[in-house]
Amino acid sequence: MKYNELLRSYIKKSGLTLDKISELIPEYNQTASKQYLSKLQNGRTPPASEELNRVLAKITGGDANELIKAAYIVKAPANVKDSIYAGDVLKKLNAQILSDGIGHGGNNPILLEELIKLAEKKDFETAFKKTKMYSDLFLVIGFIVGYLDRCANNHTGNDTQFDSIYNYLVKIDEEHGLGLEITLTPDKPKCALQIISILKEKVFPTINTFEFGGTVFNFADYLNTDGSPKFDILISEKSDDSDTNRKTEVNNQVEALDDDLKKKMHFFESLELDLGLDLTDPDVQKKLKRAAKIIFSEED
């Protein structure tokens, strides 16, 4: 977060007006007018001195070290800024990787290593893009696994939901140029297994298991050693109580994920229709990101 954004967030959280902060500052042997504080939080003047930043953090309840660091980055030479920025991005990337489940429990060290190498090369855009791609694909596979479990236990799979996740996968494929070439067939359960097989071959050739949404998925449960689908798992078998409970728990988790996904898909589909945009267009995505940053950084 930039210096002015950090300072503005501290002031907002404190609930204090600029007038009140200006009145309190002299108690710490510093001075700053309301007008100067306004310029500081809106990025219209260089950051304050270290002494004043400590006072501002003290009054607003913010972190003095973070505010001083943010001020230093603004004033630092270009090469120093790059080094600091790279370190911060690596931390953010690592946090996102862990939150998305890619590195959780050390189950996916190969993917983790790939993303960290990209970040170390300062290719942050690709690193974040791939992190999102892996997260989205884990979600797709999680939904498919729940769908197959329901089909295998004499439950009617929701074909409408499956069509939605298929369409979502197509968008991921187009956005990242994965070349999956997946065709939707009338036999939805077999199509679901084929999707897992294709993803394993083209995206996750070195990954055997992964954890997402609190559940560990093993490709070997759905694919043969040669990577072909295990179509025999679609044949219903009697399950004991523990197995039934496990599948019910997985289904509940996947349905919760699917509800969240449907809301997101509905929002983006509405956005495309309302604005006449193609959200798979990289140029459109960049413009929307810039617009969002401008909107959410504006002063309330």
Protein backbone atom coordinates (compact mmCIF):
# COMPACT_ATOMS: atom_id res chain seq x y z
CA MET A 1 0.00 0.00 0.00
CA LYS A 2 1.31 3.45 -0.92
CA TYR A 3 2.23 5.96 1.78
CA ASN A 4 -0.78 8.23 1.26
CA GLU A 5 -3.18 5.26 1.08
CA LEU A 6 -1.76 3.81 4.31
CA LEU A 7 -2.00 7.16 6.10
CA ARG A 8 -5.56 7.66 4.86
CA SER A 9 -6.55 4.21 6.11
CA TYR A 10 -5.07 4.98 9.56
CA ILE A 11 -6.97 8.27 9.74
CA LYS A 12 -10.22 6.66 8.64
CA LYS A 13 -9.93 3.81 11.17
CA SER A 14 -9.17 6.26 13.98
CA GLY A 15 -12.45 8.10 13.42
CA LEU A 16 -10.66 11.40 14.03
CA THR A 17 -11.11 14.48 11.85
CA LEU A 18 -8.11 16.23 10.33
CA ASP A 19 -8.88 19.22 12.55
CA LYS A 20 -8.70 17.04 15.67
CA ILE A 21 -5.48 15.34 14.56
CA SER A 22 -3.94 18.75 13.84
CA GLU A 23 -4.89 19.86 17.36
CA LEU A 24 -3.32 16.77 18.97
CA ILE A 25 -0.01 16.85 17.09
CA PRO A 26 1.58 19.72 19.15
CA GLU A 27 1.29 17.53 22.26
CA TYR A 28 4.13 15.49 20.71
CA ASN A 29 6.28 18.54 19.83
CA GLN A 30 5.34 18.51 16.14
CA THR A 31 3.06 20.71 14.02
CA ALA A 32 0.88 20.04 10.96
CA SER A 33 -2.09 21.96 9.64
CA LYS A 34 -5.35 20.42 8.47
CA GLN A 35 -4.49 21.46 4.91
CA TYR A 36 -1.08 19.75 5.08
CA LEU A 37 -2.61 16.54 6.46
CA SER A 38 -5.15 16.57 3.64
CA LYS A 39 -2.36 16.83 1.07
CA LEU A 40 -0.44 14.00 2.75
CA GLN A 41 -3.35 11.54 2.69
CA ASN A 42 -4.20 12.42 -0.91
CA GLY A 43 -0.65 12.10 -2.22
CA ARG A 44 -0.39 15.76 -3.21
CA THR A 45 2.83 16.37 -1.29
CA PRO A 46 5.88 14.25 -0.39
CA PRO A 47 5.62 12.09 2.75
CA ALA A 48 6.09 13.67 6.16
CA SER A 49 9.28 13.41 8.20
CA GLU A 50 10.00 10.29 10.25
CA GLU A 51 9.24 12.19 13.46
CA LEU A 52 5.85 13.41 12.24
CA ASN A 53 4.98 9.97 10.87
CA ARG A 54 5.61 8.46 14.29
CA VAL A 55 3.28 11.04 15.83
CA LEU A 56 0.58 10.44 13.20
CA ALA A 57 0.78 6.69 13.79
CA LYS A 58 0.59 7.24 17.55
CA ILE A 59 -2.50 9.45 17.31
CA THR A 60 -4.36 7.28 14.77
CA GLY A 61 -3.38 3.92 16.27
CA GLY A 62 -1.48 2.90 13.15
CA ASP A 63 1.81 1.06 12.72
CA ALA A 64 4.64 3.62 12.83
CA ASN A 65 7.20 1.31 11.22
CA GLU A 66 4.92 0.53 8.28
CA LEU A 67 4.16 4.22 7.74
CA ILE A 68 7.85 5.17 7.90
CA LYS A 69 8.72 2.34 5.51
CA ALA A 70 6.03 3.46 3.05
CA ALA A 71 7.38 7.03 3.23
CA TYR A 72 10.92 5.81 2.60
CA ILE A 73 9.84 3.88 -0.51
CA VAL A 74 8.39 7.06 -2.02
CA LYS A 75 11.62 8.96 -1.39
CA ALA A 76 14.05 6.12 -2.23
CA PRO A 77 16.09 5.86 -5.46
CA ALA A 78 14.56 3.82 -8.29
CA ASN A 79 16.80 0.75 -7.80
CA VAL A 80 16.01 0.63 -4.08
CA LYS A 81 12.28 1.00 -4.79
CA ASP A 82 12.44 -2.00 -7.13
CA SER A 83 14.10 -4.19 -4.50
CA ILE A 84 11.61 -3.22 -1.80
CA TYR A 85 8.67 -3.65 -4.18
CA ALA A 86 9.89 -7.09 -5.23
CA GLY A 87 10.13 -8.21 -1.61
CA ASP A 88 6.62 -6.98 -0.82
CA VAL A 89 5.15 -8.64 -3.90
CA LEU A 90 6.82 -11.93 -3.00
CA LYS A 91 5.18 -11.78 0.43
CA LYS A 92 1.76 -11.02 -1.09
CA LEU A 93 2.17 -13.76 -3.68
CA ASN A 94 3.13 -16.28 -1.01
CA ALA A 95 0.09 -15.30 1.08
CA GLN A 96 -2.22 -15.66 -1.94
CA ILE A 97 -0.70 -19.04 -2.83
CA LEU A 98 -1.31 -20.33 0.69
CA SER A 99 -4.84 -18.91 0.90
CA ASP A 100 -5.76 -20.43 -2.47
CA GLY A 101 -4.53 -23.84 -1.33
CA ILE A 102 -1.74 -24.16 -3.90
CA GLY A 103 0.98 -24.48 -1.27
CA HIS A 104 -1.15 -25.63 1.65
CA GLY A 105 0.45 -28.41 3.67
CA GLY A 106 3.29 -28.65 1.15
CA ASN A 107 1.12 -30.76 -1.14
CA ASN A 108 2.06 -28.83 -4.28
CA PRO A 109 5.76 -27.91 -4.00
CA ILE A 110 6.27 -28.02 -7.78
CA LEU A 111 3.59 -25.42 -8.47
CA LEU A 112 4.82 -23.34 -5.54
CA GLU A 113 8.38 -23.40 -6.87
CA GLU A 114 7.20 -22.37 -10.36
CA LEU A 115 5.31 -19.35 -9.00
CA ILE A 116 8.12 -18.21 -6.71
CA LYS A 117 10.64 -18.40 -9.58
CA LEU A 118 8.42 -16.14 -11.68
CA ALA A 119 8.20 -13.67 -8.81
CA GLU A 120 11.96 -13.72 -8.28
CA LYS A 121 12.36 -12.77 -11.95
CA LYS A 122 9.98 -9.85 -11.22
CA ASP A 123 7.42 -11.33 -13.62
CA PHE A 124 4.73 -10.58 -11.05
CA GLU A 125 1.87 -10.30 -13.53
CA THR A 126 2.43 -13.86 -14.78
CA ALA A 127 2.92 -15.16 -11.25
CA PHE A 128 -0.39 -13.73 -10.00
CA LYS A 129 -2.16 -14.78 -13.20
CA LYS A 130 -0.98 -18.38 -12.81
CA THR A 131 -1.89 -18.40 -9.14
CA LYS A 132 -5.46 -17.45 -10.06
CA MET A 133 -5.49 -20.00 -12.89
CA TYR A 134 -4.44 -22.86 -10.59
CA SER A 135 -6.96 -21.78 -7.97
CA ASP A 136 -9.77 -21.66 -10.55
CA LEU A 137 -8.83 -25.06 -11.96
CA PHE A 138 -8.76 -26.61 -8.47
CA LEU A 139 -12.27 -25.26 -8.00
CA VAL A 140 -13.37 -26.84 -11.30
CA ILE A 141 -11.92 -30.21 -10.35
CA GLY A 142 -13.49 -30.00 -6.89
CA PHE A 143 -16.92 -29.44 -8.42
CA ILE A 144 -16.43 -32.30 -10.89
CA VAL A 145 -15.42 -34.68 -8.09
CA GLY A 146 -18.59 -33.85 -6.14
CA TYR A 147 -20.66 -34.30 -9.31
CA LEU A 148 -19.12 -37.73 -9.97
CA ASP A 149 -19.64 -38.82 -6.36
CA ARG A 150 -23.34 -38.02 -6.66
CA CYS A 151 -23.60 -39.87 -9.96
CA ALA A 152 -21.84 -42.95 -8.55
CA ASN A 153 -24.25 -43.17 -5.63
CA ASN A 154 -27.50 -43.22 -7.60
CA HIS A 155 -27.98 -39.49 -7.19
CA THR A 156 -29.01 -37.51 -10.22
CA GLY A 157 -26.18 -35.19 -11.15
CA ASN A 158 -27.24 -31.61 -11.79
CA ASP A 159 -26.52 -31.29 -15.51
CA THR A 160 -27.27 -27.55 -15.50
CA GLN A 161 -24.60 -26.97 -12.86
CA PHE A 162 -22.19 -29.17 -14.81
CA ASP A 163 -22.83 -27.13 -17.96
CA SER A 164 -22.05 -23.97 -15.97
CA ILE A 165 -18.74 -25.32 -14.72
CA TYR A 166 -17.91 -26.52 -18.24
CA ASN A 167 -18.53 -23.00 -19.60
CA TYR A 168 -16.38 -21.58 -16.80
CA LEU A 169 -13.58 -24.00 -17.73
CA VAL A 170 -13.82 -22.89 -21.36
CA LYS A 171 -13.31 -19.28 -20.24
CA ILE A 172 -10.26 -20.28 -18.18
CA ASP A 173 -8.90 -22.16 -21.19
CA GLU A 174 -9.37 -19.15 -23.48
CA GLU A 175 -7.94 -16.68 -20.96
CA HIS A 176 -4.75 -18.65 -20.35
CA GLY A 177 -4.35 -20.35 -23.75
CA LEU A 178 -4.19 -23.84 -22.24
CA GLY A 179 -5.28 -25.59 -25.45
CA LEU A 180 -7.49 -28.07 -23.58
CA GLU A 181 -9.81 -28.67 -26.58
CA ILE A 182 -12.56 -30.12 -24.38
CA THR A 183 -15.84 -31.02 -26.08
CA LEU A 184 -19.09 -31.23 -24.12
CA THR A 185 -20.74 -34.60 -24.79
CA PRO A 186 -24.25 -35.87 -23.95
CA ASP A 187 -22.82 -38.34 -21.40
CA LYS A 188 -21.98 -35.75 -18.73
CA PRO A 189 -20.38 -38.12 -16.16
CA LYS A 190 -17.98 -39.53 -18.78
CA CYS A 191 -17.28 -36.01 -19.98
CA ALA A 192 -16.43 -35.02 -16.40
CA LEU A 193 -13.87 -37.82 -16.15
CA GLN A 194 -12.41 -36.85 -19.51
CA ILE A 195 -11.93 -33.30 -18.24
CA ILE A 196 -9.98 -34.55 -15.21
CA SER A 197 -7.84 -36.68 -17.54
CA ILE A 198 -7.11 -33.75 -19.87
CA LEU A 199 -6.29 -31.38 -17.01
CA LYS A 200 -3.91 -33.93 -15.50
CA GLU A 201 -2.14 -34.40 -18.83
CA LYS A 202 -1.90 -30.77 -19.97
CA VAL A 203 -1.80 -28.72 -16.77
CA PHE A 204 -0.84 -30.96 -13.84
CA PRO A 205 1.41 -33.70 -15.30
CA THR A 206 3.67 -33.75 -12.22
CA ILE A 207 0.94 -33.29 -9.59
CA ASN A 208 -0.74 -36.34 -8.07
CA THR A 209 -2.72 -34.80 -5.22
CA PHE A 210 -3.78 -31.34 -4.13
CA GLU A 211 -5.76 -29.81 -1.29
CA PHE A 212 -8.53 -27.29 -1.88
CA GLY A 213 -11.44 -26.20 0.29
CA GLY A 214 -10.24 -28.46 3.11
CA THR A 215 -10.45 -31.60 0.96
CA VAL A 216 -7.56 -33.59 -0.53
CA PHE A 217 -8.11 -34.78 -4.11
CA ASN A 218 -6.13 -37.66 -5.58
CA PHE A 219 -5.99 -38.00 -9.36
CA ALA A 220 -5.42 -41.76 -8.96
CA ASP A 221 -8.99 -42.10 -7.65
CA TYR A 222 -10.33 -41.07 -11.06
CA LEU A 223 -7.58 -41.96 -13.53
CA ASN A 224 -5.71 -45.13 -14.46
CA THR A 225 -1.92 -45.27 -14.34
CA ASP A 226 -1.78 -44.36 -18.05
CA GLY A 227 -3.88 -41.26 -17.39
CA SER A 228 -7.07 -42.61 -18.95
CA PRO A 229 -10.38 -42.14 -17.08
CA LYS A 230 -11.65 -44.83 -14.70
CA PHE A 231 -15.11 -45.14 -16.22
CA ASP A 232 -15.89 -48.10 -13.93
CA ILE A 233 -16.24 -45.73 -10.93
CA LEU A 234 -19.48 -44.53 -12.52
CA ILE A 235 -21.02 -47.91 -11.69
CA SER A 236 -22.98 -47.59 -8.46
CA GLU A 237 -21.83 -49.68 -5.51
CA LYS A 238 -23.18 -50.02 -1.99
CA SER A 239 -21.32 -47.77 0.38
CA ASP A 240 -20.88 -48.18 4.10
CA ASP A 241 -21.98 -45.40 6.45
CA SER A 242 -18.53 -43.84 6.77
CA ASP A 243 -18.11 -43.69 2.99
CA THR A 244 -21.58 -42.20 2.59
CA ASN A 245 -20.82 -39.58 5.24
CA ARG A 246 -17.54 -38.72 3.53
CA LYS A 247 -19.22 -38.26 0.16
CA THR A 248 -22.01 -36.20 1.73
CA GLU A 249 -19.42 -33.93 3.32
CA VAL A 250 -17.60 -33.54 -0.01
CA ASN A 251 -20.89 -32.81 -1.79
CA ASN A 252 -21.79 -30.12 0.75
CA GLN A 253 -18.39 -28.49 0.36
CA VAL A 254 -18.60 -28.54 -3.43
CA GLU A 255 -22.17 -27.19 -3.44
CA ALA A 256 -21.04 -24.29 -1.25
CA LEU A 257 -18.18 -23.61 -3.64
CA ASP A 258 -20.57 -23.86 -6.59
CA ASP A 259 -22.99 -21.33 -5.08
CA ASP A 260 -20.14 -18.87 -4.71
CA LEU A 261 -18.99 -19.56 -8.26
CA LYS A 262 -22.48 -19.06 -9.69
CA LYS A 263 -22.74 -15.66 -7.99
CA LYS A 264 -19.40 -14.62 -9.46
CA MET A 265 -20.30 -15.93 -12.92
CA HIS A 266 -23.68 -14.15 -12.81
CA PHE A 267 -22.00 -10.86 -11.87
CA PHE A 268 -19.46 -11.05 -14.69
CA GLU A 269 -22.06 -12.17 -17.24
CA SER A 270 -24.26 -9.21 -16.23
CA LEU A 271 -21.26 -6.89 -16.51
CA GLU A 272 -20.53 -8.14 -20.01
CA LEU A 273 -24.11 -7.63 -21.10
CA ASP A 274 -24.54 -4.21 -19.48
CA LEU A 275 -21.28 -2.75 -20.81
CA GLY A 276 -21.00 -4.79 -24.00
CA LEU A 277 -17.56 -6.02 -23.01
CA ASP A 278 -15.62 -9.25 -23.53
CA LEU A 279 -14.10 -9.98 -20.12
CA THR A 280 -11.78 -12.61 -21.63
CA ASP A 281 -10.01 -9.81 -23.56
CA PRO A 282 -6.71 -9.05 -21.71
CA ASP A 283 -6.93 -5.36 -22.68
CA VAL A 284 -10.42 -5.11 -21.19
CA GLN A 285 -9.23 -6.82 -18.00
CA LYS A 286 -6.34 -4.35 -17.61
CA LYS A 287 -8.65 -1.35 -18.11
CA LEU A 288 -11.14 -2.68 -15.56
CA LYS A 289 -8.37 -3.25 -13.03
CA ARG A 290 -7.11 0.32 -13.51
CA ALA A 291 -10.65 1.68 -13.19
CA ALA A 292 -11.25 -0.33 -10.00
CA LYS A 293 -8.01 0.94 -8.45
CA ILE A 294 -9.03 4.53 -9.20
CA ILE A 295 -12.55 4.07 -7.82
CA PHE A 296 -11.56 2.36 -4.58
CA SER A 297 -8.62 4.68 -3.89
CA GLU A 298 -10.77 7.80 -4.01
CA GLU A 299 -11.38 9.62 -0.73
CA ASP A 300 -14.77 8.93 0.81
